[in-house]
Protein backbone atom coordinates (compact mmCIF):
# COMPACT_ATOMS: atom_id res chain seq x y z
CA MET A 1 65.02 115.26 105.03
CA PRO A 2 66.35 112.62 102.66
CA LYS A 3 69.71 111.07 103.46
CA ILE A 4 72.17 112.26 100.85
CA ASN A 5 74.77 109.59 100.10
CA SER A 6 77.56 109.27 97.56
CA PRO A 7 80.48 106.89 97.14
CA ARG A 8 83.89 108.00 98.36
CA PHE A 9 86.40 109.48 95.94
CA GLY A 10 89.99 108.35 95.61
CA SER A 11 91.20 104.77 95.86
CA LEU A 12 92.49 103.58 99.23
CA ALA A 13 94.41 100.81 97.54
CA PHE A 14 97.42 103.09 97.09
CA SER A 15 97.57 104.38 100.66
CA PRO A 16 99.67 105.65 102.28
CA ARG A 17 100.36 108.19 99.55
CA LYS A 18 103.91 109.10 100.42
CA ARG A 19 106.91 109.95 98.30
CA ALA A 20 108.77 107.10 96.63
CA ILE A 21 112.04 106.10 98.28
CA SER A 22 113.88 105.98 94.96
CA GLU A 23 113.25 107.28 91.47
CA VAL A 24 114.30 103.86 90.16
CA PRO A 25 111.25 101.55 90.47
CA LYS A 26 111.58 98.13 92.08
CA TYR A 27 109.77 94.90 91.18
CA LYS A 28 108.75 92.44 93.89
CA SER A 29 107.35 89.83 91.51
CA TRP A 30 108.18 88.51 88.06
CA PRO A 31 106.24 86.59 85.38
CA ASN A 32 106.36 82.80 85.33
CA TYR A 33 108.42 81.47 82.46
CA THR A 34 109.52 77.92 81.60
CA GLY A 35 111.36 78.23 78.28
CA LYS A 36 115.04 78.86 77.63
CA PRO A 37 116.77 81.36 79.95
CA VAL A 38 115.88 84.97 79.19
CA LEU A 39 116.04 88.39 80.77
CA GLN A 40 112.78 89.69 82.21
CA GLY A 41 113.28 93.42 82.21
CA PHE A 42 114.75 96.55 80.72
CA ALA A 43 114.87 100.27 81.40
CA GLY A 44 114.74 103.46 79.37
CA TYR A 45 113.88 107.13 79.63
CA LYS A 46 110.56 108.73 78.77
CA VAL A 47 110.75 111.05 75.76
CA GLY A 48 107.20 112.19 75.08
CA MET A 49 104.11 111.25 73.10
CA THR A 50 103.05 111.21 69.48
CA HIS A 51 100.54 109.26 67.40
CA VAL A 52 100.73 106.55 64.75
CA ILE A 53 98.39 105.08 62.16
CA MET A 54 98.32 101.29 62.17
CA VAL A 55 96.12 98.45 61.00
CA ASP A 56 93.67 97.30 63.67
CA ASP A 57 94.55 93.63 64.19
CA HIS A 58 92.31 92.87 67.16
CA LYS A 59 90.03 89.95 66.36
CA SER A 60 86.30 90.78 66.32
CA SER A 61 87.04 94.51 66.55
CA PRO A 62 84.58 96.74 64.64
CA ASN A 63 87.57 98.25 62.82
CA GLU A 64 89.47 95.00 62.21
CA GLY A 65 91.66 95.35 59.13
CA LYS A 66 91.13 99.10 58.93
CA ASP A 67 93.52 101.94 59.67
CA ILE A 68 93.19 103.43 63.14
CA MET A 69 95.05 106.25 64.87
CA ILE A 70 96.41 105.54 68.35
CA PRO A 71 98.49 107.58 70.81
CA VAL A 72 101.93 106.19 71.66
CA THR A 73 104.64 107.03 74.19
CA VAL A 74 108.22 107.21 72.97
CA VAL A 75 110.84 105.70 75.32
CA GLU A 76 114.54 105.93 74.49
CA VAL A 77 116.19 102.59 75.30
CA PRO A 78 119.95 102.57 74.67
CA ALA A 79 121.82 99.36 75.48
CA MET A 80 122.15 98.44 79.16
CA LYS A 81 125.36 97.05 80.65
CA VAL A 82 125.58 93.94 82.84
CA ALA A 83 127.77 94.73 85.86
CA ALA A 84 127.32 91.68 88.09
CA ILE A 85 125.48 88.43 88.81
CA ARG A 86 123.72 88.10 92.17
CA ALA A 87 122.61 84.73 93.53
CA TYR A 88 119.81 84.39 96.09
CA ARG A 89 119.25 81.58 98.57
CA ARG A 90 115.93 80.75 100.19
CA ASP A 91 115.14 79.83 103.78
CA THR A 92 112.08 79.95 106.04
CA TYR A 93 112.33 83.75 106.14
CA GLY A 94 112.38 84.27 102.39
CA LYS A 95 115.09 85.00 99.83
CA HIS A 96 118.44 86.53 100.77
CA PRO A 97 121.47 87.55 98.68
CA MET A 98 124.20 84.94 98.84
CA THR A 99 127.10 86.32 96.80
CA GLU A 100 127.91 88.33 93.67
CA VAL A 101 130.14 87.89 90.64
CA TRP A 102 131.32 91.22 89.20
CA ALA A 103 132.55 91.82 85.69
CA ASP A 104 136.28 92.32 85.12
CA LYS A 105 135.81 95.65 83.35
CA LEU A 106 133.14 98.02 84.66
CA SER A 107 131.99 101.31 83.17
CA GLU A 108 133.77 104.35 84.58
CA THR A 109 130.46 106.17 85.02
CA LEU A 110 129.29 103.44 87.45
CA SER A 111 131.72 104.84 90.04
CA ARG A 112 129.43 107.87 90.26
CA ARG A 113 126.65 105.61 91.56
CA ILE A 114 128.39 103.05 93.84
CA SER A 115 131.75 102.30 95.38
CA MET A 116 133.51 100.10 92.89
CA PRO A 117 134.41 96.59 94.12
CA LYS A 118 138.09 96.11 94.96
CA ASN A 119 140.13 92.91 95.18
CA HIS A 120 137.22 90.93 93.77
CA ASP A 121 138.04 87.28 93.12
CA ARG A 122 135.74 86.39 90.24
CA GLU A 123 136.80 82.74 90.03
CA ALA A 124 136.24 82.13 93.74
CA THR A 125 132.74 83.64 93.81
CA THR A 126 131.83 81.79 90.62
CA GLN A 127 132.86 78.51 92.27
CA VAL A 128 130.79 79.36 95.36
CA ILE A 129 127.67 79.80 93.21
CA ASN A 130 128.39 76.62 91.22
CA ASP A 131 128.71 74.62 94.44
CA ALA A 132 125.48 76.13 95.79
CA VAL A 133 123.67 75.36 92.51
CA ALA A 134 124.84 71.76 92.71
CA ALA A 135 123.63 71.57 96.32
CA GLY A 136 120.24 73.01 95.33
CA THR A 137 120.39 76.02 97.66
CA VAL A 138 120.21 78.75 94.97
CA ALA A 139 116.68 80.05 94.47
CA GLU A 140 117.13 82.96 92.04
CA ILE A 141 119.71 84.37 89.65
CA MET A 142 119.60 88.12 89.16
CA LEU A 143 121.66 90.45 86.99
CA LEU A 144 122.80 93.83 88.24
CA MET A 145 122.40 96.06 85.18
CA HIS A 146 122.74 99.78 84.72
CA THR A 147 121.59 102.30 82.15
CA THR A 148 123.84 104.46 79.98
CA PRO A 149 122.44 108.01 80.23
CA GLU A 150 125.74 109.50 79.07
CA VAL A 151 124.83 108.59 75.46
CA ILE A 152 121.45 110.38 75.70
CA THR A 153 121.43 114.10 74.99
CA GLY A 154 117.92 114.57 76.38
CA ILE A 155 118.91 113.43 79.89
CA PRO A 156 121.10 115.98 81.72
CA LYS A 157 123.04 113.45 83.80
CA LYS A 158 125.84 110.92 83.52
CA VAL A 159 125.15 108.91 86.68
CA PRO A 160 123.75 105.52 85.62
CA ASP A 161 120.71 103.95 87.26
CA LEU A 162 121.49 100.51 88.76
CA MET A 163 118.83 97.81 89.16
CA GLU A 164 118.20 94.07 89.49
CA ILE A 165 116.74 92.15 86.56
CA ARG A 166 115.68 88.51 86.89
CA VAL A 167 116.94 85.68 84.72
CA ALA A 168 114.08 83.23 84.13
CA GLY A 169 113.60 79.91 82.37
CA GLY A 170 115.36 76.56 82.39
CA THR A 171 117.12 75.13 85.42
CA VAL A 172 119.08 77.22 87.91
CA ALA A 173 122.33 75.92 86.40
CA GLU A 174 121.19 77.01 82.91
CA ARG A 175 120.23 80.44 84.25
CA PHE A 176 123.64 80.91 85.83
CA ALA A 177 125.40 79.83 82.63
CA TYR A 178 123.27 82.28 80.63
CA ALA A 179 124.03 85.06 83.12
CA GLN A 180 127.76 84.35 82.80
CA SER A 181 127.52 84.71 79.03
CA LEU A 182 126.07 88.22 79.48
CA LEU A 183 128.42 89.40 82.25
CA GLY A 184 130.28 92.54 81.21
CA THR A 185 128.40 92.90 77.90
CA GLU A 186 125.75 95.27 76.57
CA VAL A 187 122.15 94.09 76.14
CA ASP A 188 119.62 95.55 73.69
CA PHE A 189 115.89 95.92 74.28
CA SER A 190 115.07 93.60 71.37
CA THR A 191 116.50 90.63 73.33
CA VAL A 192 113.86 91.10 76.05
CA LEU A 193 110.60 91.85 74.19
CA ASP A 194 109.30 91.68 70.62
CA GLU A 195 107.05 94.00 68.67
CA GLY A 196 103.41 93.32 69.50
CA ALA A 197 104.19 91.84 72.91
CA TYR A 198 102.47 93.03 76.08
CA ALA A 199 104.48 94.54 78.90
CA ASP A 200 104.10 96.14 82.32
CA ILE A 201 105.40 99.70 82.56
CA THR A 202 106.55 100.97 85.96
CA ALA A 203 107.73 104.46 86.88
CA VAL A 204 107.50 107.10 89.59
CA THR A 205 104.73 109.56 88.79
CA GLU A 206 105.10 113.31 88.50
CA GLY A 207 105.35 114.95 91.91
CA LYS A 208 102.77 117.61 92.78
CA GLY A 209 103.90 118.38 96.32
CA THR A 210 101.52 118.90 99.25
CA GLN A 211 97.89 119.24 98.13
CA GLY A 212 94.59 119.64 99.90
CA ALA A 213 91.77 117.14 100.20
CA VAL A 214 89.81 118.51 97.23
CA LYS A 215 92.58 117.98 94.67
CA ARG A 216 94.12 114.94 96.37
CA TRP A 217 90.94 112.95 97.01
CA GLY A 218 88.32 114.68 94.87
CA ILE A 219 85.97 115.55 97.74
CA ARG A 220 83.05 117.90 97.17
CA LEU A 221 83.31 121.59 98.01
CA ARG A 222 81.26 122.55 101.06
CA LYS A 223 78.17 124.71 100.58
CA ARG A 224 78.10 128.37 101.53
CA LYS A 225 75.92 127.72 104.54
CA HIS A 226 78.24 125.00 105.86
CA SER A 227 81.58 126.74 105.29
CA ARG A 228 82.23 129.38 107.92
CA GLY A 229 84.91 131.79 106.78
CA LYS A 230 87.24 130.29 104.14
CA LYS A 231 86.71 126.62 104.92
CA GLU A 232 84.83 125.57 101.80
CA ARG A 233 87.69 123.25 100.76
CA HIS A 234 87.89 121.52 104.18
CA ILE A 235 86.30 118.14 104.93
CA GLY A 236 83.14 118.09 107.02
CA THR A 237 84.50 116.01 109.90
CA LEU A 238 87.73 114.30 110.90
CA GLY A 239 85.89 111.46 112.64
CA PRO A 240 83.81 110.61 115.72
CA TRP A 241 84.33 111.80 119.31
CA THR A 242 84.81 108.22 120.41
CA PRO A 243 87.36 106.95 119.75
CA HIS A 244 89.47 110.14 119.68
CA HIS A 245 91.41 109.13 116.62
CA VAL A 246 91.69 110.35 113.03
CA ARG A 247 91.43 107.24 110.86
CA TRP A 248 93.67 106.83 107.85
CA GLN A 249 90.61 106.45 105.62
CA VAL A 250 89.67 110.12 106.20
CA PRO A 251 90.60 112.27 103.15
CA ASN A 252 93.17 114.78 104.30
CA VAL A 253 95.96 117.06 103.14
CA GLY A 254 99.28 115.46 102.20
CA GLN A 255 101.75 114.41 99.51
CA MET A 256 100.39 114.02 95.98
CA GLY A 257 102.36 112.38 93.21
CA TYR A 258 105.93 111.07 93.09
CA GLN A 259 104.74 107.54 93.82
CA GLN A 260 105.61 104.29 92.07
CA ARG A 261 102.85 103.10 89.77
CA THR A 262 102.55 100.21 87.30
CA GLU A 263 100.51 100.14 84.08
CA TYR A 264 99.65 96.57 83.16
CA ASN A 265 99.36 95.06 79.67
CA LYS A 266 100.72 97.90 77.56
CA ARG A 267 101.38 96.84 73.98
CA ILE A 268 104.76 97.33 72.31
CA ILE A 269 103.94 98.91 68.96
CA LYS A 270 107.41 99.36 67.48
CA ILE A 271 111.08 98.80 68.37
CA GLY A 272 113.35 100.97 66.26
CA THR A 273 117.00 101.82 65.77
CA ASP A 274 116.67 104.79 63.38
CA ALA A 275 115.76 107.81 65.50
CA SER A 276 114.83 109.88 62.44
CA GLU A 277 111.67 107.78 62.19
CA VAL A 278 110.22 109.38 65.35
CA ASN A 279 111.98 112.73 65.81
CA PRO A 280 109.48 115.53 65.12
CA ASP A 281 110.37 118.92 63.69
CA GLY A 282 112.15 120.83 66.45
CA GLY A 283 112.46 117.77 68.69
CA PHE A 284 110.27 116.66 71.58
CA LEU A 285 109.17 119.20 74.17
CA HIS A 286 111.49 119.40 77.21
CA TYR A 287 113.59 116.55 75.80
CA GLY A 288 115.07 117.27 72.40
CA LEU A 289 116.03 114.63 69.87
CA VAL A 290 116.12 110.86 70.21
CA ARG A 291 119.58 109.57 69.25
CA ASN A 292 119.52 105.89 70.28
CA ASN A 293 117.23 102.89 70.08
CA TYR A 294 113.64 103.62 70.94
CA VAL A 295 110.37 101.83 71.64
CA LEU A 296 106.79 102.96 71.00
CA ILE A 297 104.30 101.92 73.70
CA LYS A 298 100.57 102.18 73.13
CA GLY A 299 98.91 104.79 75.33
CA SER A 300 100.38 106.78 78.18
CA VAL A 301 102.85 105.67 80.84
CA PRO A 302 103.51 107.06 84.34
CA GLY A 303 106.00 109.81 85.01
CA PRO A 304 107.07 113.10 83.44
CA THR A 305 109.50 113.59 80.57
CA LYS A 306 113.05 112.29 81.26
CA ARG A 307 111.84 109.92 83.99
CA ILE A 308 113.39 106.45 84.07
CA ILE A 309 110.91 103.80 82.90
CA ARG A 310 111.17 100.10 83.78
CA ILE A 311 109.64 97.50 81.46
CA ARG A 312 109.01 93.80 82.13
CA PRO A 313 106.98 91.12 80.27
CA ALA A 314 103.31 91.22 81.24
CA ILE A 315 102.59 89.34 84.44
CA ARG A 316 98.81 89.39 83.85
CA GLN A 317 98.79 88.83 80.10
CA GLY A 318 95.91 86.36 80.11
CA GLU A 319 94.70 85.48 76.62
CA HIS A 320 96.44 88.31 74.78
CA HIS A 321 98.13 86.98 71.65
CA VAL A 322 101.36 88.47 70.30
CA ARG A 323 100.82 89.91 66.81
CA ALA A 324 103.35 92.04 64.95
CA PRO A 325 101.69 95.46 64.46
CA VAL A 326 101.57 96.98 60.97
CA VAL A 327 102.51 100.65 61.46
CA GLU A 328 101.82 102.74 58.36
CA TYR A 329 102.56 106.23 59.62
CA ILE A 330 104.32 107.93 62.54
CA SER A 331 103.54 111.59 63.11
CA LEU A 332 106.56 113.88 62.76
CA GLU A 333 104.61 117.11 63.16
CA SER A 334 106.21 119.68 65.45
CA LYS A 335 105.21 119.45 69.12
CA GLN A 336 106.05 123.14 69.66
CA GLY A 337 102.46 124.23 69.05
């Protein structure tokens, strides 16, 4: 008998496939940047998908200079508020938070997310960071920023999502000065990325609950002769007799979905302020109407409708060149079917 072989299904790179700790994604790394101080991230809420017609501006493309139709994801990105500055110090064990400078006036909705700071001495903590910057012990400057879902009608919540966003570029002293200029203010998406730029999109995927090995790992159904009773969707073996151990590489039943995933090098097609440019007849399915600033991202992004989406400049951009897209048409046809 010939030996029947086939490659395994399902990537082990994402194991263990367990539920995400938080719906708000977290970044462990940021792009290198050496220019003037800038913010390296933003957040919005997924609205839905539509399609646009634009001029193909990729060099050496067969359709270069011609109109092409591409799918885009609409993300509503109202202004984010800067609540605090957090300084990190570095030692042999890595980076650790040193202290924080909170804004004088914080949004009332933020009290739904965290316990508001009391008796905070802003001048004292600012002096502590300045002294540490002068001593060269500050490694990173982060901003604690939160979303404003209360201005979005498609998101049925008022509790803001709080996250860290890195300040990059220049010296540490210049970063801290730039962070101080933003403390307590609102920041728009256009200050982080431009049209045509490439970005990384991170979100928690749609949860599908507990699923079997066939749907979760794509294994083959067992043949009639090999499946006694109703075991055609079971795997053939859990492993060898020796050692008596089920290895983690064995495809098995478990959690599927609701995991943090990142899509790299997604192009920003359009950044708009007039929501009527993208609102279809009857609104978007399961979302409604866009009423704030929005961004169109080429292709699909992780997560279901209404999920929080984090965006940062591309960390693996390579030789991609930023070109302002020429969008000639945005579909406003009803998504109701």
